Protein backbone atom coordinates (compact mmCIF):
# COMPACT_ATOMS: atom_id res chain seq x y z
CA MET A 1 94.65 -75.90 8.61
CA SER A 2 97.20 -73.97 6.56
CA LEU A 3 96.25 -71.56 3.79
CA HIS A 4 97.77 -74.02 1.30
CA ALA A 5 95.57 -76.83 2.68
CA ASP A 6 92.50 -74.59 2.62
CA ALA A 7 93.13 -73.64 -1.02
CA THR A 8 93.55 -77.29 -1.95
CA ALA A 9 90.33 -78.23 -0.13
CA VAL A 10 88.34 -75.33 -1.62
CA LEU A 11 89.46 -76.12 -5.16
CA THR A 12 88.96 -79.87 -4.72
CA GLY A 13 85.41 -79.34 -3.42
CA TRP A 14 84.45 -76.70 -6.00
CA ASP A 15 82.15 -77.73 -8.86
CA PRO A 16 83.42 -75.82 -11.93
CA PRO A 17 80.70 -74.39 -14.16
CA ASP A 18 82.28 -75.55 -17.44
CA ALA A 19 85.13 -77.55 -18.99
CA ALA A 20 87.51 -74.57 -19.22
CA GLN A 21 87.08 -73.83 -15.51
CA ALA A 22 87.54 -77.54 -14.70
CA GLU A 23 90.81 -77.52 -16.65
CA LEU A 24 92.00 -74.45 -14.74
CA ARG A 25 91.06 -76.06 -11.43
CA GLU A 26 93.18 -79.10 -12.29
CA HIS A 27 96.09 -76.82 -13.22
CA TYR A 28 95.80 -74.97 -9.88
CA LEU A 29 95.64 -78.22 -7.91
CA LYS A 30 98.65 -79.66 -9.75
CA TYR A 31 100.61 -76.47 -9.07
CA LEU A 32 99.72 -76.55 -5.37
CA ALA A 33 100.66 -80.24 -5.13
CA GLY A 34 104.13 -79.46 -6.45
CA HIS A 35 104.71 -76.13 -4.70
CA GLU A 36 104.37 -75.78 -0.94
CA ASP A 37 105.05 -72.05 -1.46
CA GLY A 38 102.34 -71.76 -4.13
CA MET A 39 100.25 -69.36 -2.03
CA TRP A 40 102.94 -66.68 -1.82
CA ARG A 41 103.99 -63.98 -4.28
CA SER A 42 107.58 -65.30 -4.13
CA SER A 43 106.50 -68.58 -5.77
CA ARG A 44 107.65 -68.86 -9.37
CA PRO A 45 106.62 -69.18 -12.11
CA GLU A 46 103.08 -68.92 -10.68
CA HIS A 47 101.25 -68.28 -7.41
CA LEU A 48 97.67 -68.18 -6.19
CA THR A 49 95.91 -64.89 -5.57
CA ALA A 50 92.45 -64.11 -4.21
CA SER A 51 90.05 -61.54 -5.58
CA ALA A 52 86.54 -60.27 -5.00
CA LEU A 53 83.86 -59.00 -7.30
CA VAL A 54 81.92 -56.62 -5.05
CA VAL A 55 78.23 -56.50 -5.94
CA ASP A 56 75.54 -54.11 -4.78
CA PRO A 57 72.58 -55.88 -3.09
CA SER A 58 70.15 -53.16 -4.24
CA ALA A 59 70.99 -53.00 -7.96
CA PRO A 60 72.73 -55.06 -10.64
CA ARG A 61 76.05 -53.24 -10.41
CA VAL A 62 79.64 -54.02 -9.46
CA LEU A 63 82.46 -52.06 -7.85
CA LEU A 64 85.62 -52.00 -9.97
CA THR A 65 89.03 -50.48 -9.36
CA LEU A 66 91.10 -48.61 -11.89
CA HIS A 67 94.24 -50.50 -10.91
CA GLY A 68 97.22 -48.30 -10.04
CA VAL A 69 99.82 -50.44 -11.82
CA VAL A 70 97.88 -52.03 -14.68
CA ASN A 71 95.75 -48.91 -15.32
CA ARG A 72 92.69 -51.01 -16.24
CA TRP A 73 89.34 -51.57 -14.56
CA LEU A 74 89.50 -54.81 -12.55
CA GLN A 75 87.84 -56.53 -9.63
CA LEU A 76 89.40 -55.98 -6.21
CA GLY A 77 91.98 -58.46 -4.94
CA GLY A 78 95.58 -59.45 -4.71
CA HIS A 79 98.23 -61.53 -3.01
CA CYS A 80 97.71 -63.76 -0.02
CA GLU A 81 99.47 -62.71 3.17
CA PRO A 82 100.86 -64.73 6.11
CA GLY A 83 97.92 -63.80 8.36
CA ASP A 84 95.35 -65.17 5.90
CA THR A 85 93.84 -68.48 6.97
CA THR A 86 91.52 -69.12 4.01
CA LEU A 87 91.31 -68.05 0.39
CA SER A 88 87.92 -66.45 0.98
CA THR A 89 89.17 -64.39 3.93
CA ALA A 90 92.16 -63.29 1.81
CA ALA A 91 89.74 -62.07 -0.89
CA LEU A 92 87.57 -60.38 1.74
CA ARG A 93 90.62 -58.68 3.31
CA GLU A 94 91.73 -57.41 -0.09
CA ALA A 95 88.25 -56.08 -0.91
CA THR A 96 88.04 -54.29 2.44
CA GLU A 97 91.56 -52.81 2.17
CA GLU A 98 91.08 -51.62 -1.40
CA SER A 99 87.58 -50.19 -1.00
CA GLY A 100 87.25 -49.10 2.63
CA LEU A 101 83.81 -50.75 2.62
CA THR A 102 82.60 -52.27 5.89
CA GLY A 103 80.11 -55.07 6.39
CA LEU A 104 81.13 -57.00 3.27
CA ARG A 105 79.83 -60.59 2.98
CA ILE A 106 81.61 -63.22 0.92
CA ASP A 107 80.33 -66.40 -0.71
CA PRO A 108 83.01 -68.93 0.36
CA GLN A 109 82.74 -70.86 -2.93
CA PRO A 110 84.74 -69.51 -5.87
CA LEU A 111 82.81 -67.88 -8.66
CA GLN A 112 85.55 -68.25 -11.26
CA LEU A 113 89.26 -68.98 -11.77
CA SER A 114 91.49 -66.81 -13.95
CA ARG A 115 95.10 -67.52 -14.92
CA HIS A 116 96.86 -64.46 -16.31
CA GLU A 117 100.40 -63.30 -16.93
CA ILE A 118 101.62 -60.29 -14.98
CA THR A 119 103.23 -57.75 -17.30
CA ALA A 120 103.93 -54.92 -14.84
CA GLY A 121 105.06 -54.36 -11.26
CA GLY A 122 107.03 -56.61 -8.92
CA CYS A 123 105.60 -59.89 -10.25
CA ARG A 124 106.32 -59.18 -13.93
CA GLY A 125 106.84 -62.40 -15.86
CA THR A 126 104.87 -64.59 -13.47
CA PHE A 127 101.33 -65.89 -13.66
CA HIS A 128 98.59 -65.22 -11.15
CA LEU A 129 96.35 -68.17 -10.49
CA ASP A 130 93.46 -66.04 -9.31
CA VAL A 131 90.60 -67.52 -7.31
CA GLN A 132 87.68 -65.12 -7.64
CA PHE A 133 84.81 -64.75 -5.18
CA ARG A 134 81.50 -62.90 -5.08
CA VAL A 135 81.32 -60.32 -2.28
CA THR A 136 78.15 -58.42 -1.37
CA ALA A 137 78.41 -54.85 -0.11
CA ALA A 138 76.29 -53.66 2.80
CA ALA A 139 73.61 -51.17 1.84
CA GLY A 140 74.52 -47.52 2.29
CA THR A 141 78.26 -47.93 2.78
CA THR A 142 80.65 -45.59 1.01
CA TYR A 143 83.88 -46.67 -0.65
CA VAL A 144 87.27 -44.97 -0.30
CA VAL A 145 89.92 -45.06 -3.04
CA SER A 146 93.06 -46.74 -1.70
CA GLU A 147 96.68 -46.05 -2.61
CA GLU A 148 96.59 -49.09 -4.91
CA SER A 149 93.99 -47.54 -7.21
CA HIS A 150 93.63 -44.56 -9.47
CA ASP A 151 89.86 -44.73 -8.92
CA LEU A 152 86.93 -46.88 -7.81
CA ALA A 153 83.48 -46.80 -9.38
CA TRP A 154 80.19 -48.64 -9.46
CA PHE A 155 79.23 -49.91 -12.92
CA GLY A 156 75.87 -51.31 -13.96
CA VAL A 157 76.21 -54.82 -15.38
CA GLU A 158 74.86 -53.48 -18.68
CA ASP A 159 77.18 -50.45 -18.59
CA LEU A 160 80.66 -51.88 -18.00
CA PRO A 161 83.78 -50.05 -19.27
CA ALA A 162 84.26 -50.57 -23.01
CA ASP A 163 87.83 -51.90 -22.74
CA LEU A 164 87.10 -54.30 -19.86
CA ASP A 165 89.20 -57.48 -19.97
CA HIS A 166 87.14 -60.51 -21.02
CA ALA A 167 87.97 -62.33 -17.75
CA VAL A 168 86.37 -59.51 -15.75
CA SER A 169 83.36 -59.48 -18.09
CA ASP A 170 83.01 -63.24 -17.58
CA LEU A 171 83.26 -62.78 -13.82
CA VAL A 172 80.44 -60.20 -13.86
CA ARG A 173 78.33 -62.45 -16.09
CA ARG A 174 78.81 -65.40 -13.72
CA ALA A 175 77.94 -63.26 -10.69
CA TYR A 176 74.57 -62.42 -12.22
CA ALA A 177 73.82 -65.69 -14.03
C-alpha cells in the first residue's frame, strides 16, 4: 500500500471528535483524491504532513520544540518522506529525529487534524494539512535538541507556554481528555 493510500484509509476510517474536525477530514480526503502528489512537500497549494505530540507516561506533560524556523513552541513533526509507508510511521520518524528519544510508541489513530498556512521557510505560501498523533515516551529516556529546533522542553499540561498557538493547545487538551 502506498503512503497516499494509507493516508486515505486512515482518514476514511477515523472518527472525528467534532464537526470542525469532520469538516477538515473531508477537506483532506478531497485534496488527496485530486492530488496523487498530495503527500509530498512539492504538492501545491497544500500537502499532508505528520506530527506527534509526545506525552510522558509518568506525568501529565508534553514535549514541545521551539521550532527553528517559526520560533514558536510546537509539537514535533514535519514532511513525509519517500521511505515512509504510513502516516503514523512518518510522525514517529519525525518525533524520533527531532527529539533523539528512543522507545517511542504511537497511537495509530489521529488525535487531531490541523490546516495551517506556512509563512516562513521553503514552503511559504502553502498550507500544511497536518495529521497529528499521540506518541508516548519511554520512561527515563533523555531528549536531544536537533538542528531543526532552538530548544526542546517538557511542559506540564497546566503550565504550557503563554503564547502557545490554539491548535497546539487543542492538541494537548485532546491528548488528555
